[in-house]
N, C-alpha and C. Protein backbone atom coordinates (compact mmCIF):
# COMPACT_ATOMS: atom_id res chain seq x y z
N MET A 1 14.28 116.02 104.67
CA MET A 1 13.92 117.22 105.07
C MET A 1 12.56 117.40 105.80
N GLU A 2 12.68 118.16 107.02
CA GLU A 2 11.60 118.30 107.97
C GLU A 2 10.65 119.47 107.57
N THR A 3 9.30 119.26 107.59
CA THR A 3 8.49 120.37 107.04
C THR A 3 7.60 120.94 108.12
N ILE A 4 7.45 122.37 108.25
CA ILE A 4 6.54 122.85 109.30
C ILE A 4 5.39 123.44 108.25
N GLU A 5 4.27 123.17 108.47
CA GLU A 5 3.00 123.78 107.69
C GLU A 5 2.13 124.70 108.63
N ILE A 6 1.81 125.91 107.86
CA ILE A 6 1.23 126.85 108.18
C ILE A 6 -0.03 126.90 107.38
N VAL A 7 -1.10 126.32 108.15
CA VAL A 7 -2.16 125.97 107.46
C VAL A 7 -3.58 126.98 107.77
N GLU A 8 -4.30 127.78 106.71
CA GLU A 8 -5.04 128.53 106.91
C GLU A 8 -6.54 127.92 107.27
N GLY A 9 -7.19 128.12 108.33
CA GLY A 9 -8.55 127.48 108.57
C GLY A 9 -9.46 128.59 108.43
N GLU A 10 -10.71 128.18 108.52
CA GLU A 10 -11.88 128.93 108.29
C GLU A 10 -11.60 130.38 109.20
N LYS A 11 -11.27 130.40 110.42
CA LYS A 11 -11.11 131.71 111.30
C LYS A 11 -9.65 131.71 112.06
N SER A 12 -8.69 130.55 111.58
CA SER A 12 -7.42 130.73 112.23
C SER A 12 -6.49 130.12 111.36
N TRP A 13 -5.37 130.24 111.89
CA TRP A 13 -4.19 129.61 111.29
C TRP A 13 -3.55 128.56 112.22
N THR A 14 -3.03 127.50 111.60
CA THR A 14 -2.55 126.37 112.46
C THR A 14 -0.97 125.79 111.84
N VAL A 15 -0.01 125.79 113.04
CA VAL A 15 1.28 125.42 112.73
C VAL A 15 1.25 124.07 113.12
N ARG A 16 1.86 123.22 112.28
CA ARG A 16 1.95 121.70 112.30
C ARG A 16 3.26 121.15 111.73
N HIS A 17 3.64 120.05 112.67
CA HIS A 17 4.72 119.26 112.05
C HIS A 17 4.27 118.00 112.05
N GLY A 18 4.15 117.50 110.94
CA GLY A 18 3.31 116.16 110.68
C GLY A 18 1.81 116.36 111.06
N THR A 19 1.54 115.45 111.92
CA THR A 19 0.17 115.32 112.72
C THR A 19 0.13 116.23 113.97
N ARG A 20 1.04 116.53 114.40
CA ARG A 20 1.40 117.46 115.64
C ARG A 20 1.17 119.05 115.68
N VAL A 21 0.12 119.31 116.33
CA VAL A 21 -0.10 120.86 116.04
C VAL A 21 0.67 121.51 117.12
N LEU A 22 1.50 122.63 116.57
CA LEU A 22 2.45 123.45 117.44
C LEU A 22 1.89 124.44 117.97
N PHE A 23 0.93 125.23 117.14
CA PHE A 23 0.49 126.79 117.45
C PHE A 23 -0.87 127.00 116.69
N ILE A 24 -1.81 127.74 117.16
CA ILE A 24 -2.94 128.12 116.67
C ILE A 24 -3.06 129.56 117.06
N ASP A 25 -3.40 130.33 115.88
CA ASP A 25 -3.65 131.72 116.21
C ASP A 25 -4.78 132.27 115.04
N THR A 26 -5.06 133.51 115.31
CA THR A 26 -6.12 134.19 114.38
C THR A 26 -5.20 135.33 113.75
N VAL A 27 -4.31 135.74 113.95
CA VAL A 27 -3.52 136.70 113.32
C VAL A 27 -2.60 136.17 112.25
N GLU A 28 -2.55 136.38 110.77
CA GLU A 28 -1.78 135.72 110.20
C GLU A 28 -0.13 136.04 110.26
N GLU A 29 0.09 137.22 110.43
CA GLU A 29 1.62 137.66 110.50
C GLU A 29 2.18 136.98 111.80
N ARG A 30 1.54 136.78 112.92
CA ARG A 30 2.03 136.58 114.06
C ARG A 30 2.36 135.11 113.81
N THR A 31 1.21 134.44 113.06
CA THR A 31 1.62 132.94 113.04
C THR A 31 2.66 132.70 112.19
N LEU A 32 2.96 133.43 111.17
CA LEU A 32 4.12 133.21 110.32
C LEU A 32 5.36 133.46 111.12
N ARG A 33 5.59 134.47 111.74
CA ARG A 33 6.79 134.58 112.75
C ARG A 33 6.92 133.52 113.50
N THR A 34 5.72 133.02 114.23
CA THR A 34 6.03 131.98 115.21
C THR A 34 6.55 130.91 114.33
N ALA A 35 5.95 130.39 113.34
CA ALA A 35 6.38 129.38 112.59
C ALA A 35 7.61 129.22 112.16
N LEU A 36 8.55 130.41 111.91
CA LEU A 36 9.71 130.67 111.40
C LEU A 36 10.54 130.44 112.73
N ALA A 37 10.13 130.95 113.90
CA ALA A 37 10.91 130.67 115.16
C ALA A 37 10.92 129.29 115.54
N ILE A 38 9.88 128.58 115.40
CA ILE A 38 9.61 127.31 115.82
C ILE A 38 10.81 126.44 114.74
N SER A 39 10.79 126.66 113.58
CA SER A 39 11.61 125.69 112.61
C SER A 39 13.03 125.91 113.11
N ARG A 40 13.26 126.96 113.44
CA ARG A 40 14.85 127.34 113.74
C ARG A 40 15.12 126.67 115.23
N THR A 41 14.09 126.73 115.94
CA THR A 41 14.50 125.87 117.22
C THR A 41 13.90 124.19 117.55
N LEU A 42 13.15 123.62 116.65
CA LEU A 42 12.61 122.55 116.84
C LEU A 42 13.67 121.30 116.46
N PHE A 43 14.46 121.70 115.32
CA PHE A 43 15.45 120.71 114.81
C PHE A 43 16.67 120.92 115.08
N ASP A 44 17.47 119.93 115.29
CA ASP A 44 18.94 119.83 115.41
C ASP A 44 19.65 120.72 114.46
N ASP A 45 20.91 121.36 114.88
CA ASP A 45 21.76 121.96 113.64
C ASP A 45 22.04 120.83 112.36
N GLY A 46 21.95 121.34 111.24
CA GLY A 46 22.13 120.54 110.18
C GLY A 46 21.23 119.79 109.78
N VAL A 47 19.92 119.86 110.24
CA VAL A 47 18.84 119.38 109.68
C VAL A 47 17.88 120.30 109.09
N ARG A 48 17.89 119.91 107.72
CA ARG A 48 17.04 120.82 106.76
C ARG A 48 15.60 121.03 107.02
N ALA A 49 14.99 122.11 106.85
CA ALA A 49 13.61 122.34 107.18
C ALA A 49 13.07 123.19 106.18
N GLN A 50 11.80 123.03 106.05
CA GLN A 50 11.25 124.30 105.15
C GLN A 50 10.02 124.64 105.89
N VAL A 51 9.56 125.88 105.65
CA VAL A 51 8.06 126.36 106.33
C VAL A 51 7.18 126.44 104.94
N VAL A 52 5.98 125.80 104.86
CA VAL A 52 5.08 125.87 103.79
C VAL A 52 3.87 126.59 104.09
N LEU A 53 3.39 127.38 103.40
CA LEU A 53 2.16 128.07 103.67
C LEU A 53 0.93 127.39 102.76
N ILE A 54 -0.10 126.96 103.39
CA ILE A 54 -1.06 126.56 102.84
C ILE A 54 -2.51 127.27 102.78
N ARG A 55 -2.68 128.02 101.76
CA ARG A 55 -4.13 128.68 101.90
C ARG A 55 -5.15 128.22 101.20
N ARG A 56 -6.30 128.58 102.18
CA ARG A 56 -7.69 127.94 101.52
C ARG A 56 -7.83 128.62 100.03
N ASP A 57 -8.59 127.97 99.61
CA ASP A 57 -9.28 128.29 97.98
C ASP A 57 -10.52 129.09 98.85
N HIS A 58 -10.46 130.34 98.23
CA HIS A 58 -11.70 131.10 98.66
C HIS A 58 -13.02 131.03 97.64
């Protein structure tokens, strides 16, 4: 299974696939939508994928 991670940073959100950074933004909702769109287009049909949200401990 492939994993797209959405990682909360100090002032931004980063979308990653492994060590590869795919997208960085400061708006949470836009970042979530973009990560979902990326997960639908990045992998071939039939490849299982998940999107994981990683929040910082405040």
